[in-house]
Protein backbone atom coordinates (compact mmCIF):
# COMPACT_ATOMS: atom_id res chain seq x y z
CA MET A 1 1.84 -11.58 2.08
CA PHE A 2 -1.06 -13.94 1.68
CA GLU A 3 -4.06 -13.82 -0.63
CA GLY A 4 -6.98 -12.24 1.23
CA THR A 5 -7.38 -8.78 2.69
CA ILE A 6 -5.19 -6.27 4.48
CA ARG A 7 -7.04 -7.21 7.68
CA SER A 8 -6.35 -10.94 7.24
CA ASN A 9 -2.69 -10.25 6.45
CA LEU A 10 -2.21 -8.19 9.59
CA ASP A 11 -4.42 -10.29 11.86
CA PRO A 12 -4.69 -13.83 10.42
CA LEU A 13 -6.07 -15.26 13.68
CA GLU A 14 -8.64 -12.46 14.11
CA GLU A 15 -7.32 -11.52 17.55
CA TYR A 16 -7.39 -7.71 17.32
CA THR A 17 -9.97 -4.94 17.05
CA ASP A 18 -10.15 -2.65 14.03
CA ASP A 19 -8.81 0.17 16.22
CA LYS A 20 -5.69 -1.86 17.05
CA ILE A 21 -5.20 -2.75 13.37
CA TRP A 22 -5.51 0.91 12.33
CA GLU A 23 -3.06 1.87 15.08
CA ALA A 24 -0.52 -0.63 13.70
CA LEU A 25 -1.08 0.62 10.14
CA ASP A 26 -0.54 4.21 11.26
CA LYS A 27 2.65 3.27 13.11
CA CYS A 28 4.07 1.61 9.99
CA GLN A 29 3.09 4.58 7.78
CA LEU A 30 0.42 2.70 5.81
CA GLY A 31 -2.75 3.99 7.48
CA ASP A 32 -3.43 6.77 4.97
CA GLU A 33 -2.79 4.47 2.01
CA VAL A 34 -5.25 1.84 3.30
CA ARG A 35 -7.84 4.52 4.19
CA SER A 36 -7.68 5.75 0.56
CA LYS A 37 -8.66 2.29 -0.75
CA GLU A 38 -12.34 1.59 -1.36
CA GLY A 39 -12.32 -1.54 0.81
CA LYS A 40 -10.18 -0.03 3.59
CA LEU A 41 -9.18 -2.93 5.91
CA ASP A 42 -11.02 -5.33 3.59
CA SER A 43 -8.99 -4.19 0.56
CA SER A 44 -7.93 -7.11 -1.56
CA VAL A 45 -4.48 -8.65 -1.43
CA THR A 46 -3.58 -10.97 -4.29
CA GLU A 47 -1.21 -13.92 -3.97
CA ASN A 48 2.19 -12.77 -2.60
CA GLY A 49 0.76 -9.24 -2.36
CA GLU A 50 1.45 -8.63 -6.05
CA ASN A 51 -1.13 -5.82 -6.16
CA TRP A 52 0.88 -3.85 -3.57
CA SER A 53 4.34 -2.34 -4.12
CA VAL A 54 7.39 -4.06 -2.64
CA GLY A 55 7.72 -1.26 -0.10
CA GLN A 56 4.07 -1.51 0.90
CA ARG A 57 4.45 -5.28 1.35
CA GLN A 58 7.40 -4.72 3.68
CA LEU A 59 5.41 -2.15 5.65
CA VAL A 60 2.45 -4.57 5.98
CA CYS A 61 4.83 -7.17 7.43
CA LEU A 62 6.14 -4.54 9.82
CA GLY A 63 2.53 -3.69 10.73
CA ARG A 64 1.92 -7.36 11.55
CA VAL A 65 4.75 -7.44 14.09
CA LEU A 66 3.71 -4.05 15.51
CA LEU A 67 0.25 -5.46 16.10
CA LYS A 68 1.64 -8.51 17.89
CA LYS A 69 4.08 -6.37 19.92
CA THR A 70 6.90 -8.72 19.04
CA LYS A 71 9.77 -8.87 21.56
CA VAL A 72 12.30 -10.41 19.15
CA LEU A 73 12.32 -9.31 15.53
CA VAL A 74 14.61 -10.77 12.87
CA LEU A 75 14.87 -8.73 9.67
CA ASP A 76 16.70 -10.40 6.81
CA GLU A 77 17.43 -7.78 4.14
CA ALA A 78 14.12 -6.08 4.98
CA THR A 79 15.05 -2.94 3.06
CA ALA A 80 17.07 -4.45 0.20
CA SER A 81 14.32 -4.11 -2.41
CA VAL A 82 12.82 -0.81 -1.33
CA ASP A 83 13.63 2.78 -2.23
CA THR A 84 15.47 5.12 0.13
CA ALA A 85 12.25 6.79 1.31
CA THR A 86 10.66 3.46 2.32
CA ASP A 87 13.93 2.38 3.94
CA GLY A 88 13.77 5.58 5.98
CA MET A 89 10.16 4.86 7.02
CA ILE A 90 11.12 1.35 8.12
CA GLN A 91 14.13 2.62 10.09
CA GLN A 92 12.01 5.34 11.73
CA THR A 93 9.30 2.83 12.68
CA LEU A 94 11.89 0.46 14.16
CA ALA A 95 13.49 3.28 16.16
CA GLN A 96 10.14 4.54 17.50
CA HIS A 97 8.24 1.35 18.21
CA PHE A 98 10.75 -1.40 18.92
CA THR A 99 12.80 0.18 21.71
CA ASP A 100 11.75 -2.63 24.09
CA SER A 101 12.46 -5.37 21.55
CA THR A 102 15.55 -7.16 20.38
CA VAL A 103 15.97 -6.43 16.68
CA ILE A 104 18.40 -8.57 14.72
CA MET A 105 18.93 -6.94 11.35
CA ILE A 106 20.76 -8.69 8.53
CA ALA A 107 21.66 -6.00 6.02
CA HIS A 108 24.04 -5.04 3.27
CA ARG A 109 22.78 -1.45 3.22
CA ILE A 110 25.11 0.26 5.69
CA THR A 111 22.63 3.00 6.62
CA SER A 112 20.32 0.29 7.97
CA VAL A 113 22.69 -0.54 10.83
CA LEU A 114 24.39 2.76 11.71
CA ASP A 115 21.95 3.45 14.57
CA SER A 116 22.22 -0.07 16.00
CA ASP A 117 23.48 -0.75 19.52
CA MET A 118 25.87 -3.40 18.23
CA VAL A 119 27.17 -4.47 14.82
CA LEU A 120 28.46 -7.90 13.89
CA VAL A 121 30.50 -8.03 10.69
CA LEU A 122 30.84 -11.41 8.98
CA GLU A 123 33.62 -12.27 6.57
CA GLN A 124 33.27 -15.55 4.67
CA GLY A 125 30.81 -16.83 7.27
CA LEU A 126 33.04 -16.06 10.27
CA ILE A 127 32.76 -13.24 12.80
CA ASP A 128 35.20 -10.52 11.78
CA GLU A 129 34.13 -7.76 14.18
CA TYR A 130 31.57 -7.19 16.91
CA ASP A 131 31.17 -3.87 18.73
CA SER A 132 29.13 -0.68 18.75
CA PRO A 133 29.08 1.20 15.44
CA THR A 134 30.81 4.14 17.17
CA LYS A 135 33.71 2.01 18.39
CA LEU A 136 34.08 0.27 15.05
CA LEU A 137 34.09 3.62 13.22
CA GLU A 138 36.80 4.99 15.54
CA ASP A 139 39.21 2.37 14.17
CA LYS A 140 39.68 3.46 10.54
CA SER A 141 41.23 0.06 9.75
CA SER A 142 38.13 -1.88 10.88
CA SER A 143 36.13 -3.69 8.22
CA PHE A 144 33.02 -1.77 9.27
CA ALA A 145 34.77 1.63 8.98
CA LYS A 146 36.00 0.63 5.52
CA LEU A 147 32.48 -0.41 4.47
CA VAL A 148 31.04 2.90 5.69
CA ALA A 149 33.80 4.86 3.91
CA GLU A 150 33.18 2.92 0.69
CA TYR A 151 29.43 3.50 0.97
CA SER A 152 29.98 7.23 1.59
CA MET A 153 32.26 7.53 -1.45
CA ARG A 154 29.72 5.76 -3.67
CA SER A 155 26.86 7.90 -2.34
CA ASN A 156 28.79 11.13 -2.86
CA SER A 157 29.84 10.17 -6.38
CA ASN A 158 26.21 9.38 -7.23
CA PHE A 159 25.20 12.89 -6.19
CA GLU A 160 27.97 14.45 -8.28
CA ASN A 161 26.83 12.73 -11.50
């Protein structure tokens, strides 16, 4: 994020109406939060968005691409630093509002890619597997199936503690 306002971070070239900006904020689950601020769209953003949580910063960036109606979206570890609830909001927003876009998601968090059309697994910088998550999960010896199984075991053991 850039120093300025929420408005200038979402619409740096001043191309969109307030209604369109609010619509994008609502789609990325930030509308209510911005409405609760005294300055609303003109609420202050400090350098790197330090006065907003990491999750809110990610949602603002998502709002920016929603506003532009981006056709190709590349997300590099977009949910790595956010809590599970924010991750869920990001995944829900992607599923609802980017159905006509190509979304390339680079992720270590397995849950981020389970609903993808295709998954590409890299091993030491080389393509190890490429198929639909369903097909990869059918083969229990696939790297992807092993990653999902490992993630599931870790998640279940966390709930037991």
